Amino acid sequence: MQVTFQTKEESNRQQREAFLKLSGAERVFAFIELSKQINAFPTKHKPEKSNNFIIDFTKK
């Protein structure tokens, strides 16, 4: 692992450039993976059950 020191603007620019190098399909999969990671983030708020459309990517 490499540690680098950079400004927030430099970090954001670097992340944006790396994301834009991905193909359209890779961007969609990256978005879905990020969404899965955000849902796994611990929080005190528990969402109420709803009848909203939910995509479940877990393997059964």
N, C-alpha and C. Protein backbone atom coordinates (compact mmCIF):
# COMPACT_ATOMS: atom_id res chain seq x y z
N MET A 1 0.84 -1.17 0.00
CA MET A 1 0.00 0.00 0.00
C MET A 1 0.89 1.23 0.00
N GLN A 2 0.47 2.22 -0.78
CA GLN A 2 1.25 3.44 -0.91
C GLN A 2 0.47 4.59 -0.29
N VAL A 3 1.14 5.41 0.51
CA VAL A 3 0.51 6.57 1.14
C VAL A 3 0.97 7.81 0.39
N THR A 4 0.00 8.61 -0.06
CA THR A 4 0.32 9.86 -0.74
C THR A 4 -0.38 11.01 -0.04
N PHE A 5 0.23 12.16 -0.10
CA PHE A 5 -0.34 13.37 0.47
C PHE A 5 -0.71 14.30 -0.68
N GLN A 6 -2.00 14.65 -0.74
CA GLN A 6 -2.47 15.52 -1.80
C GLN A 6 -3.67 16.31 -1.30
N THR A 7 -3.99 17.35 -2.03
CA THR A 7 -5.14 18.16 -1.63
C THR A 7 -6.42 17.44 -2.00
N LYS A 8 -7.52 17.90 -1.45
CA LYS A 8 -8.83 17.32 -1.76
C LYS A 8 -9.13 17.46 -3.25
N GLU A 9 -8.80 18.62 -3.82
CA GLU A 9 -9.05 18.86 -5.24
C GLU A 9 -8.25 17.90 -6.11
N GLU A 10 -6.98 17.66 -5.74
CA GLU A 10 -6.15 16.72 -6.50
C GLU A 10 -6.71 15.30 -6.40
N SER A 11 -7.14 14.92 -5.21
CA SER A 11 -7.71 13.60 -5.01
C SER A 11 -8.98 13.43 -5.83
N ASN A 12 -9.86 14.43 -5.80
CA ASN A 12 -11.11 14.35 -6.55
C ASN A 12 -10.84 14.28 -8.05
N ARG A 13 -9.88 15.05 -8.54
CA ARG A 13 -9.54 15.04 -9.96
C ARG A 13 -9.02 13.66 -10.37
N GLN A 14 -8.16 13.08 -9.53
CA GLN A 14 -7.60 11.77 -9.82
C GLN A 14 -8.69 10.69 -9.85
N GLN A 15 -9.61 10.73 -8.89
CA GLN A 15 -10.71 9.76 -8.86
C GLN A 15 -11.62 9.93 -10.08
N ARG A 16 -11.90 11.18 -10.45
CA ARG A 16 -12.77 11.45 -11.61
C ARG A 16 -12.13 10.92 -12.88
N GLU A 17 -10.82 11.17 -13.06
CA GLU A 17 -10.13 10.69 -14.26
C GLU A 17 -10.12 9.18 -14.34
N ALA A 18 -9.90 8.51 -13.21
CA ALA A 18 -9.91 7.04 -13.19
C ALA A 18 -11.29 6.51 -13.54
N PHE A 19 -12.34 7.17 -13.03
CA PHE A 19 -13.70 6.73 -13.31
C PHE A 19 -14.05 6.94 -14.77
N LEU A 20 -13.64 8.07 -15.34
CA LEU A 20 -13.98 8.35 -16.74
C LEU A 20 -13.22 7.46 -17.72
N LYS A 21 -12.14 6.83 -17.28
CA LYS A 21 -11.41 5.89 -18.14
C LYS A 21 -12.17 4.57 -18.30
N LEU A 22 -13.13 4.31 -17.40
CA LEU A 22 -13.90 3.07 -17.48
C LEU A 22 -14.89 3.13 -18.63
N SER A 23 -15.25 1.96 -19.14
CA SER A 23 -16.29 1.90 -20.17
C SER A 23 -17.65 2.14 -19.51
N GLY A 24 -18.67 2.33 -20.31
CA GLY A 24 -20.01 2.57 -19.77
C GLY A 24 -20.49 1.45 -18.87
N ALA A 25 -20.29 0.21 -19.30
CA ALA A 25 -20.72 -0.94 -18.49
C ALA A 25 -19.93 -1.01 -17.19
N GLU A 26 -18.63 -0.74 -17.26
CA GLU A 26 -17.81 -0.76 -16.05
C GLU A 26 -18.25 0.32 -15.06
N ARG A 27 -18.69 1.47 -15.58
CA ARG A 27 -19.19 2.54 -14.72
C ARG A 27 -20.46 2.11 -14.00
N VAL A 28 -21.35 1.44 -14.71
CA VAL A 28 -22.59 0.97 -14.09
C VAL A 28 -22.27 -0.03 -12.98
N PHE A 29 -21.38 -0.97 -13.26
CA PHE A 29 -21.01 -1.96 -12.25
C PHE A 29 -20.31 -1.31 -11.06
N ALA A 30 -19.49 -0.30 -11.32
CA ALA A 30 -18.82 0.42 -10.23
C ALA A 30 -19.86 1.13 -9.36
N PHE A 31 -20.87 1.71 -9.99
CA PHE A 31 -21.94 2.38 -9.25
C PHE A 31 -22.71 1.37 -8.39
N ILE A 32 -23.04 0.22 -8.97
CA ILE A 32 -23.77 -0.81 -8.22
C ILE A 32 -22.94 -1.31 -7.05
N GLU A 33 -21.67 -1.53 -7.27
CA GLU A 33 -20.79 -2.00 -6.19
C GLU A 33 -20.70 -0.95 -5.08
N LEU A 34 -20.59 0.31 -5.43
CA LEU A 34 -20.56 1.37 -4.43
C LEU A 34 -21.87 1.42 -3.66
N SER A 35 -22.98 1.24 -4.35
CA SER A 35 -24.28 1.23 -3.69
C SER A 35 -24.37 0.08 -2.68
N LYS A 36 -23.84 -1.08 -3.05
CA LYS A 36 -23.84 -2.22 -2.13
C LYS A 36 -22.99 -1.92 -0.91
N GLN A 37 -21.85 -1.28 -1.10
CA GLN A 37 -20.97 -0.93 0.02
C GLN A 37 -21.63 0.08 0.94
N ILE A 38 -22.33 1.05 0.37
CA ILE A 38 -23.02 2.06 1.19
C ILE A 38 -24.11 1.41 2.02
N ASN A 39 -24.84 0.46 1.45
CA ASN A 39 -25.90 -0.23 2.20
C ASN A 39 -25.33 -1.06 3.33
N ALA A 40 -24.10 -1.52 3.21
CA ALA A 40 -23.48 -2.33 4.26
C ALA A 40 -22.85 -1.47 5.36
N PHE A 41 -22.81 -0.16 5.16
CA PHE A 41 -22.20 0.74 6.13
C PHE A 41 -23.06 0.79 7.39
N PRO A 42 -22.45 0.60 8.56
CA PRO A 42 -23.25 0.58 9.80
C PRO A 42 -23.89 1.93 10.09
N THR A 43 -25.14 1.90 10.53
CA THR A 43 -25.86 3.13 10.86
C THR A 43 -26.87 2.83 11.96
N LYS A 44 -27.22 3.86 12.71
CA LYS A 44 -28.20 3.70 13.78
C LYS A 44 -29.62 3.70 13.21
N HIS A 45 -29.81 4.38 12.09
CA HIS A 45 -31.14 4.47 11.48
C HIS A 45 -31.48 3.16 10.78
N LYS A 46 -32.61 2.59 11.14
CA LYS A 46 -33.08 1.38 10.49
C LYS A 46 -34.25 1.76 9.58
N PRO A 47 -34.12 1.51 8.29
CA PRO A 47 -35.20 1.87 7.37
C PRO A 47 -36.47 1.05 7.62
N GLU A 48 -37.58 1.69 7.42
CA GLU A 48 -38.86 0.99 7.55
C GLU A 48 -39.07 0.13 6.31
N LYS A 49 -39.78 -0.96 6.49
CA LYS A 49 -40.10 -1.81 5.34
C LYS A 49 -41.06 -1.05 4.45
N SER A 50 -40.84 -1.15 3.17
CA SER A 50 -41.70 -0.46 2.22
C SER A 50 -41.98 -1.38 1.03
N ASN A 51 -42.82 -0.94 0.17
CA ASN A 51 -43.15 -1.70 -1.04
C ASN A 51 -42.36 -1.19 -2.24
N ASN A 52 -41.24 -0.51 -1.98
CA ASN A 52 -40.41 0.01 -3.06
C ASN A 52 -39.73 -1.14 -3.79
N PHE A 53 -39.36 -0.88 -5.02
CA PHE A 53 -38.66 -1.83 -5.85
C PHE A 53 -37.23 -1.97 -5.32
N ILE A 54 -36.80 -3.18 -4.99
CA ILE A 54 -35.48 -3.42 -4.44
C ILE A 54 -34.77 -4.46 -5.28
N ILE A 55 -33.54 -4.15 -5.68
CA ILE A 55 -32.72 -5.10 -6.42
C ILE A 55 -31.79 -5.75 -5.41
N ASP A 56 -31.85 -7.07 -5.30
CA ASP A 56 -31.04 -7.81 -4.35
C ASP A 56 -29.98 -8.59 -5.12
N PHE A 57 -28.69 -8.23 -4.89
CA PHE A 57 -27.59 -8.86 -5.59
C PHE A 57 -26.94 -9.97 -4.79
N THR A 58 -27.50 -10.31 -3.65
CA THR A 58 -26.90 -11.36 -2.84
C THR A 58 -27.14 -12.72 -3.49
N LYS A 59 -26.16 -13.59 -3.36
CA LYS A 59 -26.31 -14.94 -3.92
C LYS A 59 -27.08 -15.79 -2.95
N LYS A 60 -27.98 -16.58 -3.46
CA LYS A 60 -28.78 -17.48 -2.62
C LYS A 60 -28.48 -18.90 -2.93
